[in-house]
Amino acid sequence: LCTATEIYECDAAHGCRVLDAEDAYHLQHLNVDVKNKNVSLAHLETGFSSAIERVETVEDKVVFQGIEAGTPDQGDGGGWTVTVDRRYGSMVFTMARNGYSFNGFGGCVPAR
């Protein structure tokens, strides 16, 4: 279970801004299921999930990556990366889309 404590939305024209609590709510808690290679929203019954395409361990950090095609009516496809420090559980993530990105920090703990 991973929880974002800071989330930023960035684009070239405006730089980065901190997402307020209401906007960040949808991205705040994630279930990362390494065994089934899936990431899903932990606190909402949306059915949203994303396949983990790649998992690598680098210097005690686990790196998960995936790609989303997006929806037909929006140019919202892109790639994402989550890096988790195995010693401390700290997390850094980014999602790059058409012209903007989400970036954030937080932590992960084993799910019970």
Protein backbone atom coordinates (compact mmCIF):
# COMPACT_ATOMS: atom_id res chain seq x y z
CA LEU A 1 0.00 0.00 0.00
CA CYS A 2 1.51 3.30 -1.11
CA THR A 3 0.34 6.73 0.01
CA ALA A 4 1.34 9.99 -1.67
CA THR A 5 2.01 12.84 0.75
CA GLU A 6 2.90 15.45 -1.88
CA ILE A 7 1.63 15.57 -5.48
CA TYR A 8 2.57 18.14 -8.11
CA GLU A 9 1.09 18.80 -11.54
CA CYS A 10 3.59 20.27 -14.01
CA ASP A 11 3.53 21.67 -17.54
CA ALA A 12 5.97 23.72 -19.61
CA ALA A 13 3.84 26.86 -19.68
CA HIS A 14 3.06 27.14 -15.96
CA GLY A 15 5.73 25.10 -14.17
CA CYS A 16 4.62 22.98 -11.22
CA ARG A 17 1.86 23.47 -8.67
CA VAL A 18 0.95 21.48 -5.60
CA LEU A 19 -2.36 19.67 -6.03
CA ASP A 20 -4.85 20.57 -3.35
CA ALA A 21 -6.34 17.81 -1.18
CA GLU A 22 -9.50 17.43 -3.31
CA ASP A 23 -7.57 17.01 -6.58
CA ALA A 24 -4.95 14.77 -4.98
CA TYR A 25 -7.56 12.50 -3.36
CA HIS A 26 -7.91 10.34 -6.49
CA LEU A 27 -4.16 9.62 -6.65
CA GLN A 28 -3.40 9.47 -2.93
CA HIS A 29 -3.60 5.74 -2.07
CA LEU A 30 -2.42 2.96 -4.38
CA ASN A 31 -2.38 -0.81 -4.06
CA VAL A 32 0.75 -2.17 -5.73
CA ASP A 33 0.35 -5.90 -6.41
CA VAL A 34 3.76 -7.08 -7.60
CA LYS A 35 2.70 -10.74 -7.82
CA ASN A 36 -0.18 -9.98 -10.22
CA LYS A 37 1.67 -7.02 -11.81
CA ASN A 38 -1.10 -4.51 -11.16
CA VAL A 39 -1.54 -1.05 -9.58
CA SER A 40 -5.01 0.11 -8.51
CA LEU A 41 -6.61 2.90 -6.50
CA ALA A 42 -6.88 1.64 -2.92
CA HIS A 43 -9.71 3.80 -1.62
CA LEU A 44 -12.15 4.17 -4.51
CA GLU A 45 -14.31 1.57 -6.23
CA THR A 46 -13.54 2.89 -9.71
CA GLY A 47 -12.21 -0.28 -11.27
CA PHE A 48 -9.19 1.76 -12.41
CA SER A 49 -6.03 -0.29 -12.60
CA SER A 50 -2.82 -0.24 -14.56
CA ALA A 51 -0.58 -3.14 -15.53
CA ILE A 52 2.99 -3.15 -14.25
CA GLU A 53 5.03 -3.69 -17.41
CA ARG A 54 8.46 -3.77 -15.82
CA VAL A 55 9.92 -4.35 -12.34
CA GLU A 56 13.61 -3.85 -11.58
CA THR A 57 15.62 -3.64 -8.36
CA VAL A 58 18.40 -1.05 -8.37
CA GLU A 59 20.53 -0.37 -5.27
CA ASP A 60 17.82 -1.42 -2.74
CA LYS A 61 15.13 0.43 -4.68
CA VAL A 62 12.30 -1.32 -6.52
CA VAL A 63 11.27 0.43 -9.74
CA PHE A 64 7.83 -0.27 -11.28
CA GLN A 65 6.89 1.04 -14.72
CA GLY A 66 3.80 1.01 -16.89
CA ILE A 67 2.17 2.55 -19.94
CA GLU A 68 -1.44 3.63 -20.42
CA ALA A 69 -3.11 4.10 -23.81
CA GLY A 70 -5.57 6.66 -22.42
CA THR A 71 -9.16 7.18 -23.48
CA PRO A 72 -10.36 7.67 -27.08
CA ASP A 73 -11.78 11.15 -26.39
CA GLN A 74 -8.70 12.58 -24.65
CA GLY A 75 -4.97 12.62 -25.25
CA ASP A 76 -4.28 11.31 -21.76
CA GLY A 77 -2.09 8.29 -22.49
CA GLY A 78 1.47 8.13 -21.22
CA GLY A 79 3.95 6.35 -19.01
CA TRP A 80 4.48 6.12 -15.26
CA THR A 81 7.26 5.11 -12.89
CA VAL A 82 7.16 4.40 -9.15
CA THR A 83 10.39 3.96 -7.18
CA VAL A 84 10.26 2.55 -3.63
CA ASP A 85 13.24 2.39 -1.28
CA ARG A 86 13.17 -1.12 0.23
CA ARG A 87 14.93 -0.04 3.45
CA TYR A 88 12.72 2.92 4.38
CA GLY A 89 9.58 2.55 2.26
CA SER A 90 9.94 6.04 0.79
CA MET A 91 8.36 6.49 -2.64
CA VAL A 92 8.87 8.80 -5.62
CA PHE A 93 6.56 8.65 -8.63
CA THR A 94 5.95 10.35 -11.93
CA MET A 95 3.32 10.06 -14.64
CA ALA A 96 4.09 11.73 -17.97
CA ARG A 97 1.23 12.52 -20.33
CA ASN A 98 0.62 14.75 -23.34
CA GLY A 99 2.12 18.08 -22.29
CA TYR A 100 2.09 17.61 -18.51
CA SER A 101 3.17 15.36 -15.68
CA PHE A 102 2.22 14.38 -12.16
CA ASN A 103 5.11 13.97 -9.74
CA GLY A 104 5.01 13.05 -6.10
CA PHE A 105 6.50 11.71 -2.94
CA GLY A 106 5.22 9.44 -0.21
CA GLY A 107 5.72 6.06 1.36
CA CYS A 108 4.77 2.40 1.08
CA VAL A 109 4.09 -0.33 3.62
CA PRO A 110 3.31 -4.03 3.13
CA ALA A 111 -0.45 -4.62 2.75
CA ARG A 112 -2.11 -6.63 5.48
